[in-house]
Amino acid sequence: MDDLTEQKTDWWKGGIIYQIYPRSFQDTTGSGTGDLAGIAQRLPYVASLGVDAIWISPFFTSPMKDFGYDVSDYCGIDPIFGTMEDFDWLIERAHELGLKVLIDLVLSHTSDQHPWFKESRSSRDNAKADWYVWADPKPDGTPPNNWLSIFGGSAWQWDARREQYYLHNFLTAQPDLNFHNPAVQNALLEVAKFWLEKGVDGFRLDTINFYFHDAQLRDNPALAPELRKSDTAPAVNPYNHQSHRYSKSQPENLAFLERFRQTIEPFGAVVVGEIGDSERGLELLEEYTGVPGRVQMSYVFDFLAGEDLPAGAIVEVFDRLNRIAPNSWPCWAMSNHDVMRHISRWNLSDQAAKAYATVLICLRGSVCLYQGEELGLPEAEIDFEDLRDPYGIEFWPEFKGRDGCRTPMVWDMGVNGGFSTAKPWLPVPHTHLQRTVVAQEADAQSMLHHYRWAIGLRRKHSALRRGNMTEMRAEGPVLSFRRSDDKQSLLIRANLSDQEAGGLNPWQVQIIEG
């Protein structure tokens, strides 16, 4: 296989994916909410970054209790985002510009307004009675086990119609599908085929390790305080007190992922999975992506959490990756729609943010960039009365939710940063208006131009896309590693500090050929 053919078929390997949160990208109707036509309108800008693909967060029909991650029709477009014709135009426009399109499939659960769930909850003996996870109460009326919801409290909700509990790993309005039922799997595979026939190039699979639950409904064991991590859920959430041994990440998932891959293979489609597991993330990465016939790539939360990311921590991540998941293909991200923007999370100056962006682009694996990251947008401060995220409302003020990373893109100095002529669904921070696309296009030293340069670097050097990564070490704040293939060898040295170190200026990244 020659290089050109390989890049066309395996474009994802070392590719860069730009995540679009549709509610906040571009409003074309004056509703205050972004839409599919707005995405299509702004695709030339995305293509100008040099990325390979876009990932669009959910736009399916939904009551919007969790802003699209509660789907009530997998094959419908929610009217707030437009029509199927708008989606067809978006696909056509993206492909004209050389961009692949991945869409966000939320398969682990539906909305409680989905027709499947309405039928399932109507009785214990209807055709879809076993399509969701139902269980009788304990003799004392309490839930069948101790499983907890990521959004707080028990993962079980009582339903008076069936006089049973149903499982919800997230909101009570997001009942979990029963993947132990083959009919459920078949229905979801048909959903994937529907969108592939519409022309999508692949999927981001939400919560890919949550599909199956333990059929015996065994209690999760407690987790010792020193082992608790807050990368999947905030520290104030009791979810972190358990080892989620039985409520997710079950071995039966592997066979379903193989079925999913067989379904998409004739279309040449790809998958990037989201693995949410603080204890076994890298182990699952190996199981899901390191074995042929499963999914091509997944991301874990190693760079999506923490108050800083020193050189030594990056080395530790890759040491564990090489030990636990040597055959895997990771997809790295520093920001997305679920976490505080990394500019604020790590308290980075512009100079520091540029250094981290360069390092990210040079690492082995694929990369996800989140809209506005290329502008250096910090986390937005949202007043409680403006909050829309149920997660933040539940845990305020210790955890402020995800709205701060979901505010609208800022395109220019027009009304609401050029996002909408109406009041936006989330406010546009004044601090963001200093970092608009138009302003940064005019400044050769801007964050935007730096991201374009870094992305171009990856496209220019085959070793950065697909090459091996060796000799990774940290000497104080200086991170160094080598990327090489049969054409070239590159030594990357990065001073991840604000002091001179290792012969490098503060935040300097050095790339040496040979």
Protein backbone atom coordinates (compact mmCIF):
# COMPACT_ATOMS: atom_id res chain seq x y z
CA MET A 1 0.00 0.00 0.00
CA ASP A 2 1.55 3.34 -1.02
CA ASP A 3 1.57 6.38 1.27
CA LEU A 4 -1.28 8.16 -0.52
CA THR A 5 -3.56 5.12 -0.44
CA GLU A 6 -2.75 4.49 3.20
CA GLN A 7 -3.54 8.10 4.14
CA LYS A 8 -6.93 7.85 2.40
CA THR A 9 -7.95 4.57 4.03
CA ASP A 10 -6.29 5.05 7.43
CA TRP A 11 -6.60 8.84 7.62
CA TRP A 12 -7.58 8.51 11.28
CA LYS A 13 -4.21 7.09 12.30
CA GLY A 14 -2.46 10.20 13.46
CA GLY A 15 -5.33 12.33 12.23
CA ILE A 16 -6.64 15.49 13.89
CA ILE A 17 -10.35 15.76 14.67
CA TYR A 18 -12.04 19.08 15.45
CA GLN A 19 -14.97 18.79 17.86
CA ILE A 20 -18.00 20.99 17.23
CA TYR A 21 -20.61 21.53 19.93
CA PRO A 22 -23.52 22.51 17.65
CA ARG A 23 -25.51 24.56 20.16
CA SER A 24 -22.56 26.94 20.44
CA PHE A 25 -20.93 27.11 17.02
CA GLN A 26 -23.07 29.35 14.78
CA ASP A 27 -26.72 30.38 14.87
CA THR A 28 -28.26 31.16 11.46
CA THR A 29 -31.93 31.46 12.50
CA GLY A 30 -31.84 34.04 15.29
CA SER A 31 -32.90 31.49 17.89
CA GLY A 32 -29.87 31.97 20.14
CA THR A 33 -28.87 28.35 19.55
CA GLY A 34 -26.36 27.12 16.99
CA ASP A 35 -27.55 24.88 14.15
CA LEU A 36 -26.42 22.58 11.37
CA ALA A 37 -26.60 25.30 8.73
CA GLY A 38 -24.29 27.36 10.91
CA ILE A 39 -21.77 24.53 11.02
CA ALA A 40 -21.90 24.20 7.23
CA GLN A 41 -21.43 27.95 6.88
CA ARG A 42 -18.30 27.92 9.04
CA LEU A 43 -16.66 24.80 7.58
CA PRO A 44 -14.22 26.78 5.40
CA TYR A 45 -12.74 28.16 8.63
CA VAL A 46 -12.44 24.65 10.08
CA ALA A 47 -10.81 23.38 6.89
CA SER A 48 -8.35 26.29 7.01
CA LEU A 49 -6.98 24.89 10.27
CA GLY A 50 -5.68 21.85 8.40
CA VAL A 51 -7.60 19.26 10.45
CA ASP A 52 -8.72 15.94 8.94
CA ALA A 53 -12.23 15.62 10.32
CA ILE A 54 -14.99 17.14 12.41
CA TRP A 55 -16.84 15.45 15.26
CA ILE A 56 -20.31 16.89 15.81
CA SER A 57 -21.86 16.47 19.23
CA PRO A 58 -25.48 15.18 19.23
CA PHE A 59 -28.09 16.94 17.11
CA PHE A 60 -30.76 14.21 17.28
CA THR A 61 -34.35 14.74 18.40
CA SER A 62 -34.24 15.20 22.17
CA PRO A 63 -36.04 16.79 25.13
CA MET A 64 -32.62 18.36 25.84
CA LYS A 65 -32.51 17.41 29.52
CA ASP A 66 -28.82 16.66 28.87
CA PHE A 67 -28.58 18.79 25.71
CA GLY A 68 -28.82 16.05 23.12
CA TYR A 69 -27.20 13.22 25.05
CA ASP A 70 -30.76 12.12 25.87
CA VAL A 71 -31.98 10.92 22.46
CA SER A 72 -35.67 10.41 21.71
CA ASP A 73 -35.21 9.64 17.99
CA TYR A 74 -31.87 8.31 16.76
CA CYS A 75 -32.72 8.95 13.12
CA GLY A 76 -34.26 12.41 13.46
CA ILE A 77 -32.82 15.94 13.55
CA ASP A 78 -34.04 18.06 16.44
CA PRO A 79 -35.83 21.12 14.98
CA ILE A 80 -33.63 23.50 16.97
CA PHE A 81 -30.71 22.32 14.82
CA GLY A 82 -32.55 22.35 11.48
CA THR A 83 -33.60 19.65 9.05
CA MET A 84 -32.26 16.54 7.39
CA GLU A 85 -31.69 18.67 4.29
CA ASP A 86 -29.40 20.90 6.37
CA PHE A 87 -27.47 17.82 7.45
CA ASP A 88 -27.17 16.60 3.85
CA TRP A 89 -25.78 20.00 2.87
CA LEU A 90 -23.33 19.89 5.78
CA ILE A 91 -22.02 16.47 4.67
CA GLU A 92 -21.69 17.62 1.07
CA ARG A 93 -19.90 20.84 2.06
CA ALA A 94 -17.52 19.03 4.41
CA HIS A 95 -16.55 16.50 1.78
CA GLU A 96 -16.01 19.26 -0.81
CA LEU A 97 -13.54 20.81 1.65
CA GLY A 98 -11.76 17.51 2.28
CA LEU A 99 -13.16 17.04 5.79
CA LYS A 100 -14.42 13.73 7.16
CA VAL A 101 -17.56 13.85 9.31
CA LEU A 102 -17.93 11.89 12.56
CA ILE A 103 -21.16 12.12 14.54
CA ASP A 104 -21.73 11.43 18.22
CA LEU A 105 -23.72 8.23 18.82
CA VAL A 106 -25.15 7.86 22.34
CA LEU A 107 -25.92 4.16 22.51
CA SER A 108 -25.74 3.32 26.21
CA HIS A 109 -29.00 5.08 27.08
CA THR A 110 -31.92 6.95 25.55
CA SER A 111 -34.27 9.67 26.71
CA ASP A 112 -37.23 8.54 28.80
CA GLN A 113 -39.27 10.12 25.98
CA HIS A 114 -37.97 7.64 23.41
CA PRO A 115 -40.81 5.43 22.03
CA TRP A 116 -38.80 2.36 23.02
CA PHE A 117 -38.83 3.36 26.68
CA LYS A 118 -42.45 4.48 26.65
CA GLU A 119 -43.40 1.01 25.46
CA SER A 120 -40.97 -0.74 27.80
CA ARG A 121 -42.32 0.97 30.91
CA SER A 122 -45.97 0.38 29.98
CA SER A 123 -46.02 -3.20 31.31
CA ARG A 124 -43.83 -6.17 32.19
CA ASP A 125 -44.91 -8.22 29.17
CA ASN A 126 -44.86 -5.88 26.16
CA ALA A 127 -42.61 -6.43 23.11
CA LYS A 128 -39.92 -4.11 24.49
CA ALA A 129 -40.30 -5.01 28.16
CA ASP A 130 -36.68 -6.22 28.28
CA TRP A 131 -35.13 -3.44 26.16
CA TYR A 132 -34.07 -1.50 29.28
CA VAL A 133 -32.56 -2.60 32.59
CA TRP A 134 -35.43 -3.32 34.95
CA ALA A 135 -35.16 -4.94 38.39
CA ASP A 136 -37.40 -5.69 41.33
CA PRO A 137 -36.78 -3.87 44.61
CA LYS A 138 -35.21 -5.55 47.59
CA PRO A 139 -37.75 -6.88 50.12
CA ASP A 140 -37.58 -3.57 51.99
CA GLY A 141 -38.41 -1.61 48.82
CA THR A 142 -34.96 -0.15 48.30
CA PRO A 143 -33.05 -0.32 44.98
CA PRO A 144 -31.70 -3.71 43.84
CA ASN A 145 -28.08 -2.76 44.54
CA ASN A 146 -25.74 0.08 45.49
CA TRP A 147 -24.87 1.41 42.03
CA LEU A 148 -24.54 5.19 41.78
CA SER A 149 -25.31 7.68 39.02
CA ILE A 150 -22.60 9.96 37.66
CA PHE A 151 -25.06 12.82 38.11
CA GLY A 152 -25.47 12.05 41.82
CA GLY A 153 -27.49 9.65 43.96
CA SER A 154 -28.69 6.16 43.18
CA ALA A 155 -28.45 4.82 39.62
CA TRP A 156 -31.95 3.34 40.07
CA GLN A 157 -35.28 5.11 39.61
CA TRP A 158 -38.60 3.69 40.78
CA ASP A 159 -41.32 3.41 38.14
CA ALA A 160 -44.88 3.04 39.41
CA ARG A 161 -46.21 1.57 36.14
CA ARG A 162 -44.14 -1.60 36.42
CA GLU A 163 -43.46 -1.36 40.16
CA GLN A 164 -39.81 -1.90 39.38
CA TYR A 165 -36.63 0.12 39.28
CA TYR A 166 -34.86 1.04 36.04
CA LEU A 167 -31.14 1.71 35.70
CA HIS A 168 -29.79 5.13 34.74
CA ASN A 169 -26.05 5.73 34.93
CA PHE A 170 -26.69 9.41 34.20
CA LEU A 171 -29.90 11.47 34.65
CA THR A 172 -33.11 9.78 35.71
CA ALA A 173 -34.41 10.91 32.30
CA GLN A 174 -31.70 8.77 30.63
CA PRO A 175 -32.65 5.11 31.17
CA ASP A 176 -29.99 2.56 30.24
CA LEU A 177 -30.60 0.18 27.35
CA ASN A 178 -30.26 -3.54 28.03
CA PHE A 179 -27.42 -4.70 25.76
CA HIS A 180 -27.88 -8.27 26.98
CA ASN A 181 -30.93 -8.32 24.69
CA PRO A 182 -29.82 -9.09 21.07
CA ALA A 183 -32.80 -7.13 19.70
CA VAL A 184 -31.42 -3.96 21.32
CA GLN A 185 -28.03 -4.51 19.73
CA ASN A 186 -29.62 -5.12 16.33
CA ALA A 187 -31.69 -1.93 16.55
CA LEU A 188 -28.64 0.16 17.42
CA LEU A 189 -26.59 -1.34 14.60
CA GLU A 190 -29.39 -0.33 12.23
CA VAL A 191 -29.08 3.23 13.56
CA ALA A 192 -25.37 3.22 12.68
CA LYS A 193 -26.17 1.94 9.17
CA PHE A 194 -28.77 4.67 8.70
CA TRP A 195 -26.20 7.42 9.26
CA LEU A 196 -23.49 5.65 7.26
CA GLU A 197 -25.87 5.52 4.32
CA LYS A 198 -26.41 9.26 4.81
CA GLY A 199 -22.68 9.71 4.17
CA VAL A 200 -21.02 10.05 7.58
CA ASP A 201 -17.45 8.80 7.79
CA GLY A 202 -17.65 7.39 11.29
CA PHE A 203 -18.70 7.89 14.88
CA ARG A 204 -17.61 9.12 18.24
CA LEU A 205 -19.14 6.56 20.59
CA ASP A 206 -20.24 8.19 23.84
CA THR A 207 -19.47 6.29 27.06
CA ILE A 208 -18.34 3.25 25.07
CA ASN A 209 -17.62 1.20 28.21
CA PHE A 210 -21.09 1.74 29.75
CA TYR A 211 -23.03 -0.47 27.32
CA PHE A 212 -23.24 -3.62 29.44
CA HIS A 213 -24.05 -4.09 33.10
CA ASP A 214 -23.45 -7.12 35.29
CA ALA A 215 -26.43 -9.42 34.64
CA GLN A 216 -26.35 -10.58 38.27
CA LEU A 217 -26.63 -6.97 39.52
CA ARG A 218 -23.88 -7.49 42.10
CA ASP A 219 -22.99 -4.59 44.41
CA ASN A 220 -20.00 -2.47 43.52
CA PRO A 221 -17.23 -2.66 46.14
CA ALA A 222 -16.13 0.42 48.04
CA LEU A 223 -13.01 2.25 46.91
CA ALA A 224 -10.41 3.29 49.47
CA PRO A 225 -10.09 7.08 49.81
CA GLU A 226 -6.48 7.08 48.59
CA LEU A 227 -7.58 5.37 45.34
CA ARG A 228 -10.38 7.78 44.50
CA LYS A 229 -9.86 9.85 41.36
CA SER A 230 -11.93 12.75 40.06
CA ASP A 231 -11.28 12.49 36.32
CA THR A 232 -14.60 10.77 35.50
CA ALA A 233 -16.70 12.63 38.09
CA PRO A 234 -15.95 15.73 40.23
CA ALA A 235 -14.39 15.18 43.64
CA VAL A 236 -17.60 16.17 45.49
CA ASN A 237 -19.53 13.36 43.79
CA PRO A 238 -20.03 10.15 45.84
CA TYR A 239 -19.68 8.25 42.53
CA ASN A 240 -15.94 8.29 43.24
CA HIS A 241 -16.42 6.24 46.41
CA GLN A 242 -17.04 3.04 44.47
CA SER A 243 -15.04 0.71 42.28
CA HIS A 244 -17.48 0.40 39.37
CA ARG A 245 -16.67 -3.25 38.80
CA TYR A 246 -20.18 -4.34 37.91
CA SER A 247 -22.07 -1.28 36.68
CA LYS A 248 -19.89 -0.76 33.56
CA SER A 249 -16.84 -2.03 31.62
CA GLN A 250 -18.15 -5.60 31.35
CA PRO A 251 -16.41 -8.28 29.23
CA GLU A 252 -19.54 -8.82 27.09
CA ASN A 253 -18.86 -5.42 25.53
CA LEU A 254 -16.02 -6.82 23.42
CA ALA A 255 -18.30 -8.98 21.29
CA PHE A 256 -20.63 -6.04 20.64
CA LEU A 257 -17.73 -3.82 19.58
CA GLU A 258 -16.73 -6.52 17.11
CA ARG A 259 -20.30 -6.57 15.76
CA PHE A 260 -20.22 -2.79 15.47
CA ARG A 261 -16.94 -2.90 13.55
CA GLN A 262 -18.33 -5.53 11.18
CA THR A 263 -21.32 -3.26 10.54
CA ILE A 264 -19.26 -0.19 9.66
CA GLU A 265 -16.43 -1.98 7.83
CA PRO A 266 -18.14 -2.09 4.40
CA PHE A 267 -18.47 1.70 4.57
CA GLY A 268 -14.81 2.26 5.42
CA ALA A 269 -15.96 4.10 8.55
CA VAL A 270 -14.02 4.71 11.75
CA VAL A 271 -14.79 4.95 15.45
CA VAL A 272 -13.30 6.97 18.27
CA GLY A 273 -14.63 5.78 21.61
CA GLU A 274 -14.91 7.60 24.92
CA ILE A 275 -13.67 5.43 27.79
CA GLY A 276 -14.85 6.74 31.15
CA ASP A 277 -13.12 4.58 33.74
CA SER A 278 -10.75 6.00 36.34
CA GLU A 279 -9.40 2.61 37.39
CA ARG A 280 -9.10 0.61 34.17
CA GLY A 281 -8.96 3.25 31.43
CA LEU A 282 -5.73 2.12 29.78
CA GLU A 283 -6.57 -1.56 30.19
CA LEU A 284 -9.84 -0.96 28.35
CA LEU A 285 -8.02 1.09 25.72
CA GLU A 286 -5.93 -1.98 24.96
CA GLU A 287 -8.95 -4.30 24.91
CA TYR A 288 -11.01 -1.99 22.68
CA THR A 289 -8.39 -0.71 20.21
CA GLY A 290 -5.38 -3.05 20.54
CA VAL A 291 -7.16 -6.09 19.13
CA PRO A 292 -7.97 -6.21 15.39
CA GLY A 293 -11.64 -6.07 14.54
CA ARG A 294 -12.77 -3.81 17.37
CA VAL A 295 -12.67 0.00 17.32
CA GLN A 296 -9.84 1.96 15.74
CA MET A 297 -9.16 4.46 18.52
CA SER A 298 -10.43 5.67 21.87
CA TYR A 299 -9.61 8.44 24.29
CA VAL A 300 -9.15 8.27 28.01
CA PHE A 301 -9.09 11.10 30.54
CA ASP A 302 -5.39 11.37 31.38
CA PHE A 303 -5.01 14.82 29.76
CA LEU A 304 -8.60 15.90 30.49
CA ALA A 305 -8.20 16.16 34.26
CA GLY A 306 -5.81 17.54 36.85
CA GLU A 307 -4.71 20.95 37.97
CA ASP A 308 -1.53 20.89 35.90
CA LEU A 309 0.38 18.67 33.48
CA PRO A 310 4.12 18.75 34.20
CA ALA A 311 6.64 16.94 32.01
CA GLY A 312 6.95 14.07 34.48
CA ALA A 313 3.20 13.41 34.40
CA ILE A 314 3.25 13.08 30.60
CA VAL A 315 6.10 10.58 30.85
CA GLU A 316 4.18 8.64 33.50
CA VAL A 317 1.10 8.43 31.24
CA PHE A 318 3.14 7.01 28.37
CA ASP A 319 5.06 4.64 30.66
CA ARG A 320 1.72 3.19 31.77
CA LEU A 321 0.43 3.21 28.20
CA ASN A 322 3.45 1.24 26.94
CA ARG A 323 3.13 -1.21 29.83
CA ILE A 324 -0.63 -1.71 29.91
CA ALA A 325 -1.78 -0.86 26.38
CA PRO A 326 1.19 -1.40 24.04
CA ASN A 327 -0.93 -2.26 21.00
CA SER A 328 -3.58 0.43 21.47
CA TRP A 329 -4.21 3.57 19.44
CA PRO A 330 -5.05 6.48 21.73
CA CYS A 331 -6.74 9.72 20.76
CA TRP A 332 -5.46 12.56 22.93
CA ALA A 333 -7.43 15.62 23.99
CA MET A 334 -6.81 18.40 26.49
CA SER A 335 -10.28 19.98 26.33
CA ASN A 336 -13.78 18.93 25.34
CA HIS A 337 -17.43 19.70 26.11
CA ASP A 338 -17.37 17.89 29.48
CA VAL A 339 -14.36 19.39 31.27
CA MET A 340 -13.00 22.78 32.24
CA ARG A 341 -11.01 24.27 29.36
CA HIS A 342 -7.35 23.39 29.85
CA ILE A 343 -6.22 27.02 29.58
CA SER A 344 -7.97 27.62 32.92
CA ARG A 345 -7.58 24.13 34.37
CA TRP A 346 -3.78 24.36 34.14
CA ASN A 347 -3.68 28.18 34.51
CA LEU A 348 -1.71 28.65 31.29
CA SER A 349 -0.36 31.82 29.78
CA ASP A 350 -0.61 32.13 25.99
CA GLN A 351 3.05 31.17 25.71
CA ALA A 352 2.48 28.07 27.83
CA ALA A 353 -0.67 27.14 25.89
CA LYS A 354 1.26 27.26 22.63
CA ALA A 355 3.91 24.93 24.06
CA TYR A 356 1.30 22.40 25.19
CA ALA A 357 -0.44 22.58 21.82
CA THR A 358 2.83 21.78 20.06
CA VAL A 359 3.55 18.87 22.40
CA LEU A 360 0.02 17.49 21.89
CA ILE A 361 0.40 17.60 18.12
CA CYS A 362 3.76 15.79 18.34
CA LEU A 363 2.60 12.87 20.51
CA ARG A 364 1.96 9.40 19.10
CA GLY A 365 -1.75 8.86 18.57
CA SER A 366 -4.62 10.81 17.08
CA VAL A 367 -5.77 14.18 18.41
CA CYS A 368 -9.11 15.80 19.23
CA LEU A 369 -9.26 19.60 19.37
CA TYR A 370 -12.27 21.31 20.91
CA GLN A 371 -13.85 24.36 19.31
CA GLY A 372 -12.29 27.56 20.66
CA GLU A 373 -9.20 25.75 21.91
CA GLU A 374 -7.35 27.14 18.90
CA LEU A 375 -8.29 30.63 20.08
CA GLY A 376 -6.95 30.02 23.58
CA LEU A 377 -10.39 30.53 25.14
CA PRO A 378 -10.39 30.27 28.94
CA GLU A 379 -13.21 28.73 30.95
CA ALA A 380 -16.19 31.10 31.13
CA GLU A 381 -17.51 32.19 34.52
CA ILE A 382 -21.26 31.54 34.51
CA ASP A 383 -23.61 32.92 37.15
CA PHE A 384 -25.87 30.38 38.82
CA GLU A 385 -29.00 31.94 37.30
CA ASP A 386 -27.53 31.44 33.81
CA LEU A 387 -26.64 27.77 34.32
CA ARG A 388 -28.23 25.24 31.97
CA ASP A 389 -26.25 22.11 32.85
CA PRO A 390 -28.12 19.84 35.31
CA TYR A 391 -24.77 18.52 36.54
CA GLY A 392 -23.66 21.99 37.65
CA ILE A 393 -27.03 22.86 39.13
CA GLU A 394 -26.89 19.66 41.24
CA PHE A 395 -23.40 20.21 42.67
CA TRP A 396 -23.16 24.03 42.73
CA PRO A 397 -21.06 25.79 43.93
CA GLU A 398 -18.35 23.19 44.64
CA PHE A 399 -18.69 21.98 41.04
CA LYS A 400 -19.97 24.53 38.53
CA GLY A 401 -20.82 22.08 35.79
CA ARG A 402 -19.94 22.06 32.13
CA ASP A 403 -21.50 25.30 30.90
CA GLY A 404 -18.23 27.20 31.28
CA CYS A 405 -16.67 25.25 28.41
CA ARG A 406 -19.79 25.30 26.24
CA THR A 407 -20.29 29.02 25.66
CA PRO A 408 -20.60 30.25 22.05
CA MET A 409 -17.70 30.60 19.62
CA VAL A 410 -16.52 34.16 19.12
CA TRP A 411 -16.09 35.00 15.45
CA ASP A 412 -15.90 38.81 15.41
CA MET A 413 -16.72 41.92 17.42
CA GLY A 414 -20.33 41.96 16.24
CA VAL A 415 -23.34 41.22 18.42
CA ASN A 416 -22.60 38.24 20.67
CA GLY A 417 -19.26 37.72 19.00
CA GLY A 418 -20.91 37.05 15.65
CA PHE A 419 -22.53 33.89 17.01
CA SER A 420 -26.18 35.03 17.05
CA THR A 421 -28.32 38.14 16.67
CA ALA A 422 -30.50 36.89 19.56
CA LYS A 423 -29.73 36.29 23.20
CA PRO A 424 -27.46 33.20 23.19
CA TRP A 425 -28.48 30.08 25.10
CA LEU A 426 -25.36 30.71 27.23
CA PRO A 427 -23.80 34.15 27.68
CA VAL A 428 -20.75 35.20 25.67
CA PRO A 429 -18.02 36.27 28.14
CA HIS A 430 -16.36 39.63 27.63
CA THR A 431 -12.97 37.96 28.06
CA HIS A 432 -13.69 35.84 24.98
CA LEU A 433 -14.45 38.90 22.84
CA GLN A 434 -10.77 39.79 23.06
CA ARG A 435 -9.92 36.52 21.29
CA THR A 436 -12.20 36.45 18.25
CA VAL A 437 -11.31 34.66 15.03
CA VAL A 438 -11.18 37.94 13.10
CA ALA A 439 -8.83 39.54 15.62
CA GLN A 440 -6.50 36.55 15.66
CA GLU A 441 -6.46 36.21 11.87
CA ALA A 442 -4.94 39.73 11.81
CA ASP A 443 -2.23 38.88 14.36
CA ALA A 444 0.59 36.70 13.05
CA GLN A 445 1.61 35.81 16.64
CA SER A 446 -1.86 34.74 17.73
CA MET A 447 -2.91 31.39 19.19
CA LEU A 448 -4.91 30.66 16.05
CA HIS A 449 -1.89 31.01 13.79
CA HIS A 450 0.16 28.88 16.17
CA TYR A 451 -2.39 26.05 16.01
CA ARG A 452 -2.38 26.26 12.20
CA TRP A 453 1.43 26.04 12.24
CA ALA A 454 1.44 23.07 14.64
CA ILE A 455 -1.20 21.19 12.66
CA GLY A 456 0.77 21.89 9.50
CA LEU A 457 3.86 20.47 11.18
CA ARG A 458 2.05 17.17 11.73
CA ARG A 459 0.84 17.09 8.13
CA LYS A 460 4.35 17.83 6.87
CA HIS A 461 6.16 15.16 8.88
CA SER A 462 5.00 11.56 8.43
CA ALA A 463 6.87 10.59 11.60
CA LEU A 464 4.50 12.79 13.63
CA ARG A 465 1.41 11.14 12.17
CA ARG A 466 2.29 7.46 12.27
CA GLY A 467 5.86 7.08 13.47
CA ASN A 468 7.16 5.34 16.56
CA MET A 469 7.72 7.27 19.77
CA THR A 470 10.82 6.40 21.81
CA GLU A 471 13.31 7.87 24.28
CA MET A 472 10.63 9.73 26.25
CA ARG A 473 11.99 11.24 29.44
CA ALA A 474 11.59 14.21 31.75
CA GLU A 475 14.59 16.10 33.10
CA GLY A 476 13.00 18.52 35.50
CA PRO A 477 10.49 20.55 33.45
CA VAL A 478 12.02 19.49 30.11
CA LEU A 479 10.11 16.79 28.23
CA SER A 480 11.91 15.03 25.40
CA PHE A 481 11.02 12.20 23.03
CA ARG A 482 11.78 10.98 19.53
CA ARG A 483 9.33 10.35 16.68
CA SER A 484 10.62 8.32 13.76
CA ASP A 485 9.58 6.27 10.75
CA ASP A 486 11.43 4.89 7.73
CA LYS A 487 11.74 8.40 6.24
CA GLN A 488 12.81 10.65 9.11
CA SER A 489 13.62 10.99 12.78
CA LEU A 490 12.62 13.97 14.90
CA LEU A 491 13.76 14.85 18.41
CA ILE A 492 11.23 16.96 20.33
CA ARG A 493 12.35 18.87 23.42
CA ALA A 494 9.89 21.03 25.35
CA ASN A 495 10.50 23.23 28.38
CA LEU A 496 7.16 23.12 30.20
CA SER A 497 7.98 25.83 32.70
CA ASP A 498 8.31 29.58 32.98
CA GLN A 499 12.02 29.34 33.82
CA GLU A 500 14.97 28.64 31.54
CA ALA A 501 15.85 24.94 31.68
CA GLY A 502 17.92 22.45 29.70
CA GLY A 503 19.23 25.16 27.42
CA LEU A 504 15.67 26.10 26.44
CA ASN A 505 13.87 29.36 27.07
CA PRO A 506 10.64 29.30 29.10
CA TRP A 507 7.95 27.35 27.23
CA GLN A 508 10.21 26.75 24.23
CA VAL A 509 9.66 23.66 22.08
CA GLN A 510 12.56 22.54 19.94
CA ILE A 511 12.17 20.12 17.02
CA ILE A 512 15.43 18.71 15.64
CA GLU A 513 15.62 16.57 12.51
CA GLY A 514 18.07 13.70 12.41
